[in-house]
Amino acid sequence: MPLADLLPGRGRAARRLPGRIGDLAGPARGVISLPRHVAWPGMRECDVSDDAARRGMYVMVLTQGTRNDIARFLNAALLREDWPLIAGALESGLRRRCERQYALRRRRRPASGEHP
């Protein structure tokens, strides 16, 4: 068992991820306040309308949050939109699990000479 699985909130992705992407009912705008076990003081408030702040918050919630946190704070449509930009910041096992379970795909880069 990886050491990360022993840390609070860092259980195996299979247990922590809600079953379907439709279960992610987080807000699409507004300011949210994350619980202490997800974010450090000073980093707990996030304006979901701020793209960069939201992406950082999504990485924190996916890596540190419980099943309930993920369902409560992540928005399915925004996760799909942000996935190509945040997937690389996740541990490979969590990233693969999210991609399989939620049918998320990173956009491939066009080959040289190919139009995007």
C-alpha atoms as a PDB file:
ATOM      1  CA  MET A   1       0.000   0.000   0.000  1.00  0.00           C
ATOM      2  CA  PRO A   2       1.417   3.415  -0.919  1.00  0.00           C
ATOM      3  CA  LEU A   3       2.156   5.746   1.988  1.00  0.00           C
ATOM      4  CA  ALA A   4      -0.237   8.289   0.467  1.00  0.00           C
ATOM      5  CA  ASP A   5      -3.126   5.891   1.102  1.00  0.00           C
ATOM      6  CA  LEU A   6      -2.469   6.122   4.841  1.00  0.00           C
ATOM      7  CA  LEU A   7      -2.803   9.907   4.955  1.00  0.00           C
ATOM      8  CA  PRO A   8      -6.220  11.397   5.845  1.00  0.00           C
ATOM      9  CA  GLY A   9      -8.339  11.916   2.760  1.00  0.00           C
ATOM     10  CA  ARG A  10      -5.832  10.158   0.520  1.00  0.00           C
ATOM     11  CA  GLY A  11      -7.477   6.747   0.338  1.00  0.00           C
ATOM     12  CA  ARG A  12      -7.530   4.794  -2.877  1.00  0.00           C
ATOM     13  CA  ALA A  13      -9.162   6.667  -5.737  1.00  0.00           C
ATOM     14  CA  ALA A  14     -11.639   3.844  -6.292  1.00  0.00           C
ATOM     15  CA  ARG A  15     -13.138   4.501  -2.848  1.00  0.00           C
ATOM     16  CA  ARG A  16     -12.900   8.273  -2.930  1.00  0.00           C
ATOM     17  CA  LEU A  17     -14.307   9.079  -6.366  1.00  0.00           C
ATOM     18  CA  PRO A  18     -18.084   9.349  -6.696  1.00  0.00           C
ATOM     19  CA  GLY A  19     -19.462   6.680  -9.030  1.00  0.00           C
ATOM     20  CA  ARG A  20     -20.461   8.868 -11.971  1.00  0.00           C
ATOM     21  CA  ILE A  21     -19.371  12.237 -13.273  1.00  0.00           C
ATOM     22  CA  GLY A  22     -23.011  13.293 -12.939  1.00  0.00           C
ATOM     23  CA  ASP A  23     -22.579  12.963  -9.165  1.00  0.00           C
ATOM     24  CA  LEU A  24     -20.268  15.990  -9.211  1.00  0.00           C
ATOM     25  CA  ALA A  25     -22.646  18.756  -8.205  1.00  0.00           C
ATOM     26  CA  GLY A  26     -20.249  21.575  -7.311  1.00  0.00           C
ATOM     27  CA  PRO A  27     -20.987  25.190  -8.120  1.00  0.00           C
ATOM     28  CA  ALA A  28     -20.213  26.721 -11.519  1.00  0.00           C
ATOM     29  CA  ARG A  29     -19.602  30.170 -10.016  1.00  0.00           C
ATOM     30  CA  GLY A  30     -19.212  31.911  -6.704  1.00  0.00           C
ATOM     31  CA  VAL A  31     -16.809  31.625  -3.793  1.00  0.00           C
ATOM     32  CA  ILE A  32     -16.524  28.385  -1.868  1.00  0.00           C
ATOM     33  CA  SER A  33     -14.719  27.612   1.364  1.00  0.00           C
ATOM     34  CA  LEU A  34     -12.923  24.264   1.508  1.00  0.00           C
ATOM     35  CA  PRO A  35     -12.699  22.228   4.712  1.00  0.00           C
ATOM     36  CA  ARG A  36      -9.412  22.153   6.660  1.00  0.00           C
ATOM     37  CA  HIS A  37      -8.533  18.601   5.641  1.00  0.00           C
ATOM     38  CA  VAL A  38      -8.503  19.655   1.970  1.00  0.00           C
ATOM     39  CA  ALA A  39      -6.660  22.987   1.999  1.00  0.00           C
ATOM     40  CA  TRP A  40      -4.288  24.902   4.242  1.00  0.00           C
ATOM     41  CA  PRO A  41      -5.348  28.128   5.943  1.00  0.00           C
ATOM     42  CA  GLY A  42      -5.096  31.005   3.507  1.00  0.00           C
ATOM     43  CA  MET A  43      -5.880  28.685   0.602  1.00  0.00           C
ATOM     44  CA  ARG A  44      -9.350  27.604   1.693  1.00  0.00           C
ATOM     45  CA  GLU A  45     -11.458  30.125  -0.221  1.00  0.00           C
ATOM     46  CA  CYS A  46     -11.749  29.837  -3.969  1.00  0.00           C
ATOM     47  CA  ASP A  47     -13.660  31.873  -6.525  1.00  0.00           C
ATOM     48  CA  VAL A  48     -14.884  29.183  -8.918  1.00  0.00           C
ATOM     49  CA  SER A  49     -15.215  31.827 -11.653  1.00  0.00           C
ATOM     50  CA  ASP A  50     -11.427  32.383 -11.588  1.00  0.00           C
ATOM     51  CA  ASP A  51     -10.151  29.698 -13.987  1.00  0.00           C
ATOM     52  CA  ALA A  52      -6.636  29.376 -12.541  1.00  0.00           C
ATOM     53  CA  ALA A  53      -7.849  29.342  -8.925  1.00  0.00           C
ATOM     54  CA  ARG A  54     -10.521  26.771  -9.754  1.00  0.00           C
ATOM     55  CA  ARG A  55      -8.039  24.465 -11.465  1.00  0.00           C
ATOM     56  CA  GLY A  56      -5.751  24.570  -8.444  1.00  0.00           C
ATOM     57  CA  MET A  57      -8.688  23.907  -6.157  1.00  0.00           C
ATOM     58  CA  TYR A  58      -9.823  20.951  -8.299  1.00  0.00           C
ATOM     59  CA  VAL A  59      -6.369  19.377  -8.011  1.00  0.00           C
ATOM     60  CA  MET A  60      -6.433  19.859  -4.216  1.00  0.00           C
ATOM     61  CA  VAL A  61      -9.905  18.368  -3.867  1.00  0.00           C
ATOM     62  CA  LEU A  62      -9.123  15.398  -6.111  1.00  0.00           C
ATOM     63  CA  THR A  63      -5.916  14.604  -4.238  1.00  0.00           C
ATOM     64  CA  GLN A  64      -6.939  15.460  -0.659  1.00  0.00           C
ATOM     65  CA  GLY A  65     -10.726  15.331  -0.574  1.00  0.00           C
ATOM     66  CA  THR A  66     -13.157  12.653   0.486  1.00  0.00           C
ATOM     67  CA  ARG A  67     -15.872  11.239  -1.755  1.00  0.00           C
ATOM     68  CA  ASN A  68     -18.292  13.796  -0.334  1.00  0.00           C
ATOM     69  CA  ASP A  69     -15.833  16.677  -0.906  1.00  0.00           C
ATOM     70  CA  ILE A  70     -15.332  15.681  -4.539  1.00  0.00           C
ATOM     71  CA  ALA A  71     -19.073  15.466  -5.157  1.00  0.00           C
ATOM     72  CA  ARG A  72     -19.752  18.720  -3.304  1.00  0.00           C
ATOM     73  CA  PHE A  73     -17.019  20.978  -4.699  1.00  0.00           C
ATOM     74  CA  LEU A  74     -16.332  19.754  -8.254  1.00  0.00           C
ATOM     75  CA  ASN A  75     -18.659  20.643 -11.102  1.00  0.00           C
ATOM     76  CA  ALA A  76     -18.915  17.996 -13.838  1.00  0.00           C
ATOM     77  CA  ALA A  77     -18.970  20.435 -16.774  1.00  0.00           C
ATOM     78  CA  LEU A  78     -16.060  22.466 -15.422  1.00  0.00           C
ATOM     79  CA  LEU A  79     -14.042  19.334 -14.684  1.00  0.00           C
ATOM     80  CA  ARG A  80     -14.474  18.208 -18.303  1.00  0.00           C
ATOM     81  CA  GLU A  81     -13.405  21.643 -19.518  1.00  0.00           C
ATOM     82  CA  ASP A  82     -10.400  21.863 -17.178  1.00  0.00           C
ATOM     83  CA  TRP A  83      -9.255  18.243 -17.459  1.00  0.00           C
ATOM     84  CA  PRO A  84      -6.609  18.767 -20.176  1.00  0.00           C
ATOM     85  CA  LEU A  85      -4.992  21.421 -17.988  1.00  0.00           C
ATOM     86  CA  ILE A  86      -5.121  19.660 -14.611  1.00  0.00           C
ATOM     87  CA  ALA A  87      -4.621  15.995 -15.508  1.00  0.00           C
ATOM     88  CA  GLY A  88      -0.838  16.330 -15.585  1.00  0.00           C
ATOM     89  CA  ALA A  89      -0.790  17.627 -11.995  1.00  0.00           C
ATOM     90  CA  LEU A  90      -2.369  14.441 -10.620  1.00  0.00           C
ATOM     91  CA  GLU A  91      -0.691  11.231  -9.518  1.00  0.00           C
ATOM     92  CA  SER A  92      -0.833   8.804 -12.444  1.00  0.00           C
ATOM     93  CA  GLY A  93      -3.111   6.251 -10.740  1.00  0.00           C
ATOM     94  CA  LEU A  94      -5.662   8.900  -9.776  1.00  0.00           C
ATOM     95  CA  ARG A  95      -5.460  10.465 -13.246  1.00  0.00           C
ATOM     96  CA  ARG A  96      -6.074   7.111 -14.984  1.00  0.00           C
ATOM     97  CA  ARG A  97      -8.942   6.277 -12.625  1.00  0.00           C
ATOM     98  CA  CYS A  98     -10.632   9.632 -13.299  1.00  0.00           C
ATOM     99  CA  GLU A  99     -10.157   9.237 -17.041  1.00  0.00           C
ATOM    100  CA  ARG A 100     -11.694   5.756 -17.029  1.00  0.00           C
ATOM    101  CA  GLN A 101     -14.476   6.365 -14.549  1.00  0.00           C
ATOM    102  CA  TYR A 102     -15.554   9.750 -15.896  1.00  0.00           C
ATOM    103  CA  ALA A 103     -14.630   9.261 -19.568  1.00  0.00           C
ATOM    104  CA  LEU A 104     -12.211  12.182 -19.420  1.00  0.00           C
ATOM    105  CA  ARG A 105      -9.576  12.477 -22.091  1.00  0.00           C
ATOM    106  CA  ARG A 106      -6.693  14.815 -22.518  1.00  0.00           C
ATOM    107  CA  ARG A 107      -6.621  16.409 -25.943  1.00  0.00           C
ATOM    108  CA  ARG A 108      -3.799  15.067 -28.003  1.00  0.00           C
ATOM    109  CA  ARG A 109      -1.289  17.497 -29.405  1.00  0.00           C
ATOM    110  CA  PRO A 110      -1.317  17.765 -33.195  1.00  0.00           C
ATOM    111  CA  ALA A 111       1.655  16.153 -34.931  1.00  0.00           C
ATOM    112  CA  SER A 112       4.072  18.541 -36.606  1.00  0.00           C
ATOM    113  CA  GLY A 113       2.596  19.841 -39.824  1.00  0.00           C
ATOM    114  CA  GLU A 114      -0.929  18.898 -38.705  1.00  0.00           C
ATOM    115  CA  HIS A 115      -3.495  21.635 -38.087  1.00  0.00           C
ATOM    116  CA  PRO A 116      -4.999  21.771 -34.576  1.00  0.00           C
END
